[in-house]
C-alpha atoms as a PDB file:
ATOM      1  CA  ALA A   1       0.016   0.043   0.097  1.00  0.00           C
ATOM      2  CA  ALA A   2       1.249   3.482  -0.657  1.00  0.00           C
ATOM      3  CA  ALA A   3       0.899   4.188   3.031  1.00  0.00           C
ATOM      4  CA  ASP A   4       3.624   1.659   3.886  1.00  0.00           C
ATOM      5  CA  ALA A   5       6.939   3.060   4.857  1.00  0.00           C
ATOM      6  CA  ALA A   6      10.691   1.993   5.037  1.00  0.00           C
ATOM      7  CA  VAL A   7      11.250   2.060   8.807  1.00  0.00           C
ATOM      8  CA  PHE A   8      14.539   2.480  10.469  1.00  0.00           C
ATOM      9  CA  SER A   9      14.685   1.463  14.147  1.00  0.00           C
ATOM     10  CA  PHE A  10      17.112   2.306  16.789  1.00  0.00           C
ATOM     11  CA  TRP A  11      17.381   1.304  20.540  1.00  0.00           C
ATOM     12  CA  LEU A  12      18.250   3.751  23.408  1.00  0.00           C
ATOM     13  CA  GLU A  13      18.904   2.318  26.762  1.00  0.00           C
ATOM     14  CA  ALA A  14      17.899   5.461  28.424  1.00  0.00           C
ATOM     15  CA  ALA A  15      16.071   8.557  27.251  1.00  0.00           C
ATOM     16  CA  ALA A  16      18.348  10.909  25.228  1.00  0.00           C
ATOM     17  CA  THR A  17      18.429  13.844  22.629  1.00  0.00           C
ATOM     18  CA  ARG A  18      20.010  12.521  19.487  1.00  0.00           C
ATOM     19  CA  THR A  19      20.403  14.048  15.940  1.00  0.00           C
ATOM     20  CA  VAL A  20      18.775  12.083  12.830  1.00  0.00           C
ATOM     21  CA  ASP A  21      20.329  12.287   9.442  1.00  0.00           C
ATOM     22  CA  ALA A  22      19.263  10.664   6.241  1.00  0.00           C
ATOM     23  CA  ARG A  23      20.911   9.917   3.123  1.00  0.00           C
ATOM     24  CA  TRP A  24      19.636   9.154  -0.592  1.00  0.00           C
ATOM     25  CA  THR A  25      20.851   8.844  -4.122  1.00  0.00           C
ATOM     26  CA  SER A  26      19.357  11.617  -6.152  1.00  0.00           C
ATOM     27  CA  GLY A  27      17.884  11.472  -9.573  1.00  0.00           C
ATOM     28  CA  SER A  28      15.411  13.220 -11.975  1.00  0.00           C
ATOM     29  CA  ASN A  29      12.873  10.560 -11.171  1.00  0.00           C
ATOM     30  CA  ARG A  30      13.091  10.957  -7.583  1.00  0.00           C
ATOM     31  CA  SER A  31      10.203  12.764  -5.237  1.00  0.00           C
ATOM     32  CA  SER A  32      10.299  16.287  -4.415  1.00  0.00           C
ATOM     33  CA  LEU A  33       7.961  15.609  -1.785  1.00  0.00           C
ATOM     34  CA  ALA A  34       9.571  12.730   0.175  1.00  0.00           C
ATOM     35  CA  ALA A  35       8.810  12.746   3.857  1.00  0.00           C
ATOM     36  CA  TYR A  36      10.684  11.321   6.975  1.00  0.00           C
ATOM     37  CA  VAL A  37       8.426  10.810  10.259  1.00  0.00           C
ATOM     38  CA  VAL A  38      10.464  10.759  13.458  1.00  0.00           C
ATOM     39  CA  ILE A  39       8.497   8.461  16.023  1.00  0.00           C
ATOM     40  CA  THR A  40       9.299   7.741  19.754  1.00  0.00           C
ATOM     41  CA  ALA A  41       9.141   4.458  21.354  1.00  0.00           C
ATOM     42  CA  ALA A  42       5.745   5.370  22.860  1.00  0.00           C
ATOM     43  CA  GLY A  43       4.395   5.822  19.340  1.00  0.00           C
ATOM     44  CA  ASP A  44       4.385   9.779  19.390  1.00  0.00           C
ATOM     45  CA  THR A  45       5.297  11.727  16.087  1.00  0.00           C
ATOM     46  CA  LEU A  46       7.903  14.349  16.901  1.00  0.00           C
ATOM     47  CA  ALA A  47       8.386  15.554  13.447  1.00  0.00           C
ATOM     48  CA  THR A  48       7.620  15.062   9.788  1.00  0.00           C
ATOM     49  CA  VAL A  49      10.500  16.412   7.625  1.00  0.00           C
ATOM     50  CA  PRO A  50       9.903  16.878   3.899  1.00  0.00           C
ATOM     51  CA  VAL A  51      12.867  16.668   1.732  1.00  0.00           C
ATOM     52  CA  ASP A  52      13.633  16.807  -1.993  1.00  0.00           C
ATOM     53  CA  GLN A  53      15.308  13.644  -3.023  1.00  0.00           C
ATOM     54  CA  ARG A  54      15.846  15.081  -6.774  1.00  0.00           C
ATOM     55  CA  SER A  55      19.106  16.562  -5.635  1.00  0.00           C
ATOM     56  CA  ASN A  56      21.901  16.588  -3.128  1.00  0.00           C
ATOM     57  CA  GLY A  57      22.174  12.614  -2.945  1.00  0.00           C
ATOM     58  CA  GLY A  58      25.033  10.881  -1.751  1.00  0.00           C
ATOM     59  CA  ARG A  59      25.572  12.858   1.280  1.00  0.00           C
ATOM     60  CA  TRP A  60      24.077  13.091   5.005  1.00  0.00           C
ATOM     61  CA  HIS A  61      21.073  15.556   5.580  1.00  0.00           C
ATOM     62  CA  VAL A  62      20.324  16.607   8.994  1.00  0.00           C
ATOM     63  CA  LEU A  63      16.525  15.865   9.660  1.00  0.00           C
ATOM     64  CA  GLY A  64      16.748  17.352  13.157  1.00  0.00           C
ATOM     65  CA  SER A  65      17.605  16.896  16.943  1.00  0.00           C
ATOM     66  CA  TYR A  66      14.942  15.469  18.934  1.00  0.00           C
ATOM     67  CA  SER A  67      14.490  14.047  22.612  1.00  0.00           C
ATOM     68  CA  PHE A  68      13.814  10.384  22.613  1.00  0.00           C
ATOM     69  CA  PRO A  69      12.623   7.895  25.383  1.00  0.00           C
ATOM     70  CA  ALA A  70      14.246   4.757  26.112  1.00  0.00           C
ATOM     71  CA  GLY A  71      13.254   1.935  23.979  1.00  0.00           C
ATOM     72  CA  TRP A  72      12.965   1.163  20.118  1.00  0.00           C
ATOM     73  CA  ASN A  73      12.531   4.609  18.433  1.00  0.00           C
ATOM     74  CA  GLN A  74      11.709   5.031  14.621  1.00  0.00           C
ATOM     75  CA  VAL A  75      12.462   7.009  11.595  1.00  0.00           C
ATOM     76  CA  ALA A  76       9.999   6.134   8.735  1.00  0.00           C
ATOM     77  CA  LEU A  77      10.135   7.292   5.167  1.00  0.00           C
ATOM     78  CA  LEU A  78       6.772   7.361   3.663  1.00  0.00           C
ATOM     79  CA  ARG A  79       6.366   5.802   0.240  1.00  0.00           C
ATOM     80  CA  ARG A  80       4.000   8.442  -0.960  1.00  0.00           C
ATOM     81  CA  GLY A  81       5.564  11.122  -2.990  1.00  0.00           C
ATOM     82  CA  ALA A  82       5.034  13.432  -6.125  1.00  0.00           C
ATOM     83  CA  SER A  83       2.977  11.822  -8.829  1.00  0.00           C
ATOM     84  CA  GLY A  84       5.069   9.854 -11.305  1.00  0.00           C
ATOM     85  CA  SER A  85       8.273   9.898  -9.086  1.00  0.00           C
ATOM     86  CA  VAL A  86       9.825   7.357  -6.618  1.00  0.00           C
ATOM     87  CA  VAL A  87      11.050   7.682  -3.083  1.00  0.00           C
ATOM     88  CA  VAL A  88      14.451   6.067  -2.249  1.00  0.00           C
ATOM     89  CA  ALA A  89      15.181   4.700   1.183  1.00  0.00           C
ATOM     90  CA  ASP A  90      19.067   4.540   1.336  1.00  0.00           C
ATOM     91  CA  ALA A  91      20.227   5.233   5.047  1.00  0.00           C
ATOM     92  CA  VAL A  92      19.305   6.899   8.433  1.00  0.00           C
ATOM     93  CA  ARG A  93      21.874   7.622  10.925  1.00  0.00           C
ATOM     94  CA  VAL A  94      21.316   8.541  14.759  1.00  0.00           C
ATOM     95  CA  ARG A  95      24.029  10.215  16.516  1.00  0.00           C
END
């Protein structure tokens, strides 16, 4: 389904503030409306970060810094995008 997402999960032993980065390959067929959703272990959405995957590929992009609780937190890349384009799930880094 178009509502499905590529989900990147990460474990925190204790609550902490972390910076989340994303990386993708760019291309003319990529979405200009890709969206990363930052979700806590409690299921709360901290942010939805739109990105344009048509350019600036091959490098890390900061999605923001967030306060996460202990447990399995997630960053989900939604599959929906601009009509006629693709969304590419490459990598997410939490630091």
